[in-house]
Protein backbone atom coordinates (compact mmCIF):
# COMPACT_ATOMS: atom_id res chain seq x y z
CA UNK A 1 0.44 0.15 0.33
CA UNK A 2 1.20 3.53 -0.80
CA UNK A 3 0.41 6.36 1.60
CA UNK A 4 0.38 9.76 -0.52
CA UNK A 5 1.25 12.87 1.29
CA UNK A 6 -1.60 15.49 1.41
CA UNK A 7 -0.72 18.42 -0.83
CA UNK A 8 1.05 21.53 1.26
CA UNK A 9 -1.79 23.84 2.65
CA UNK A 10 -1.51 27.82 3.63
CA UNK A 11 -2.24 29.28 6.84
CA UNK A 12 -6.05 28.85 6.49
CA UNK A 13 -5.07 25.04 5.57
CA UNK A 14 -6.24 25.52 1.73
CA UNK A 15 -4.31 23.71 -0.37
CA UNK A 16 -1.72 25.22 -2.38
CA UNK A 17 -2.94 25.90 -6.14
CA UNK A 18 0.55 26.76 -8.10
CA UNK A 19 4.29 26.58 -7.09
CA UNK A 20 3.73 30.48 -7.19
CA UNK A 21 1.32 30.33 -4.25
CA UNK A 22 3.86 28.21 -2.57
CA UNK A 23 6.93 29.48 -2.92
CA UNK A 24 5.13 33.20 -1.57
CA UNK A 25 3.78 34.85 -4.58
CA UNK A 26 6.28 37.67 -6.43
CA UNK A 27 7.76 39.02 -3.19
CA UNK A 28 9.03 35.93 -2.74
CA UNK A 29 10.34 35.08 -6.12
CA UNK A 30 12.30 37.99 -6.27
CA UNK A 31 13.64 37.45 -3.17
CA UNK A 32 14.59 34.63 -4.78
CA UNK A 33 16.05 36.03 -7.94
CA UNK A 34 17.82 38.43 -6.46
CA UNK A 35 19.81 36.25 -3.86
CA UNK A 36 20.72 33.92 -7.25
CA UNK A 37 22.03 36.81 -9.47
CA UNK A 38 23.78 38.01 -6.16
CA UNK A 39 24.93 34.22 -5.07
CA UNK A 40 25.98 34.15 -8.59
CA UNK A 41 28.11 37.60 -8.15
CA UNK A 42 30.14 36.80 -4.61
CA UNK A 43 30.93 33.22 -5.13
CA UNK A 44 33.60 32.04 -6.66
CA UNK A 45 31.97 28.63 -6.32
CA UNK A 46 29.72 30.57 -9.36
CA UNK A 47 32.79 32.24 -11.49
CA UNK A 48 32.15 30.30 -14.48
CA UNK A 49 27.80 30.71 -14.25
CA UNK A 50 29.12 34.70 -13.52
CA UNK A 51 31.30 34.76 -16.68
CA UNK A 52 28.80 33.55 -19.02
CA UNK A 53 26.45 36.85 -17.96
CA UNK A 54 28.05 39.71 -19.04
CA UNK A 55 29.04 43.06 -16.96
CA UNK A 56 26.05 43.03 -15.12
CA UNK A 57 23.09 41.51 -14.52
CA UNK A 58 19.91 43.36 -14.24
CA UNK A 59 18.24 42.73 -17.02
CA UNK A 60 19.08 39.02 -16.31
CA UNK A 61 17.92 39.50 -13.19
CA UNK A 62 14.31 40.78 -14.05
CA UNK A 63 13.79 38.83 -17.18
CA UNK A 64 14.17 35.92 -14.12
CA UNK A 65 11.69 36.78 -12.03
CA UNK A 66 9.02 37.56 -15.29
CA UNK A 67 10.27 33.75 -16.18
CA UNK A 68 9.82 32.52 -12.73
CA UNK A 69 6.50 34.14 -12.07
CA UNK A 70 4.82 32.50 -14.93
CA UNK A 71 6.11 29.03 -14.63
CA UNK A 72 5.26 28.50 -11.16
CA UNK A 73 1.87 29.56 -12.00
CA UNK A 74 1.81 33.24 -11.43
CA UNK A 75 1.12 35.91 -13.60
CA UNK A 76 2.65 35.72 -17.24
CA UNK A 77 5.22 38.64 -17.35
CA UNK A 78 7.36 37.02 -19.61
CA UNK A 79 5.24 35.57 -22.11
CA UNK A 80 3.33 39.41 -22.36
CA UNK A 81 6.13 40.48 -22.91
CA UNK A 82 8.03 38.32 -24.95
CA UNK A 83 5.70 36.07 -26.21
CA UNK A 84 6.42 32.31 -25.54
CA UNK A 85 9.85 31.44 -23.58
CA UNK A 86 11.69 29.30 -26.38
CA UNK A 87 14.35 29.38 -23.44
CA UNK A 88 17.27 26.85 -25.71
CA UNK A 89 16.72 29.23 -28.75
CA UNK A 90 17.21 32.07 -26.47
CA UNK A 91 20.49 30.75 -24.60
CA UNK A 92 21.83 29.67 -27.92
CA UNK A 93 24.30 32.32 -28.21
CA UNK A 94 25.77 30.96 -24.80
CA UNK A 95 28.05 28.72 -24.54
CA UNK A 96 26.55 26.24 -21.75
CA UNK A 97 28.48 23.34 -20.61
CA UNK A 98 27.87 20.66 -17.94
CA UNK A 99 30.38 23.50 -15.52
CA UNK A 100 27.83 26.17 -16.50
CA UNK A 101 24.58 24.13 -16.29
CA UNK A 102 25.69 22.29 -12.78
CA UNK A 103 26.76 25.56 -11.71
CA UNK A 104 23.50 27.17 -12.27
CA UNK A 105 21.69 24.48 -10.13
CA UNK A 106 23.92 24.36 -7.53
CA UNK A 107 22.90 28.61 -7.17
CA UNK A 108 19.62 28.48 -7.11
CA UNK A 109 19.61 25.91 -5.12
CA UNK A 110 21.57 27.97 -2.56
CA UNK A 111 19.47 30.14 -3.18
CA UNK A 112 16.33 28.71 -2.17
CA UNK A 113 17.56 26.95 1.02
CA UNK A 114 18.74 30.97 1.97
CA UNK A 115 15.39 32.50 1.53
CA UNK A 116 13.71 29.35 3.07
CA UNK A 117 11.62 28.14 0.26
CA UNK A 118 10.20 25.10 1.90
CA UNK A 119 11.54 21.73 1.47
CA UNK A 120 9.79 19.96 -0.19
CA UNK A 121 8.74 22.51 -2.86
CA UNK A 122 12.92 22.98 -2.86
CA UNK A 123 13.30 19.67 -3.71
CA UNK A 124 11.18 19.10 -6.68
CA UNK A 125 11.48 22.82 -8.66
CA UNK A 126 15.70 21.82 -7.95
CA UNK A 127 14.93 18.70 -10.11
CA UNK A 128 12.88 20.47 -12.45
CA UNK A 129 15.85 22.94 -13.06
CA UNK A 130 18.26 20.30 -13.37
CA UNK A 131 16.08 18.53 -16.19
CA UNK A 132 15.34 22.42 -17.36
CA UNK A 133 19.52 23.12 -17.18
CA UNK A 134 20.97 20.30 -18.73
CA UNK A 135 18.11 20.68 -21.54
CA UNK A 136 19.94 24.27 -22.35
CA UNK A 137 23.22 23.01 -23.11
CA UNK A 138 24.75 23.71 -25.83
CA UNK A 139 28.28 21.92 -26.12
CA UNK A 140 29.49 18.89 -24.12
CA UNK A 141 27.81 15.78 -24.78
CA UNK A 142 24.52 17.03 -25.68
């Protein structure tokens, strides 16, 4: 017999409808994105990832925030501005290999931990982030 976990719930006891709600809405998505890019700038372990982003992170911060809101089931800020994300196509100009993939996932996982993403959601998101980041690779055993 398999016992299924009850779905995560908010303070009023209602199940979260989306990961966007579970993470805490726009303010928490913004905090996650800000911490992700701050870590990328600060931590030597993310140097290859940082180097792939150019001199400024402002545009990347904004686009990731817009994208994650929609990807998590919240407002579709990114698609309203740019249409379908076409992630792989939009990332083709950048050299993305195993090192960049692994640093991206590690940096995002560290950011999720530091901003207090629920551990169960963090685990699910880390798996999804890895699959997406792996799909973005365009060099090195693709």
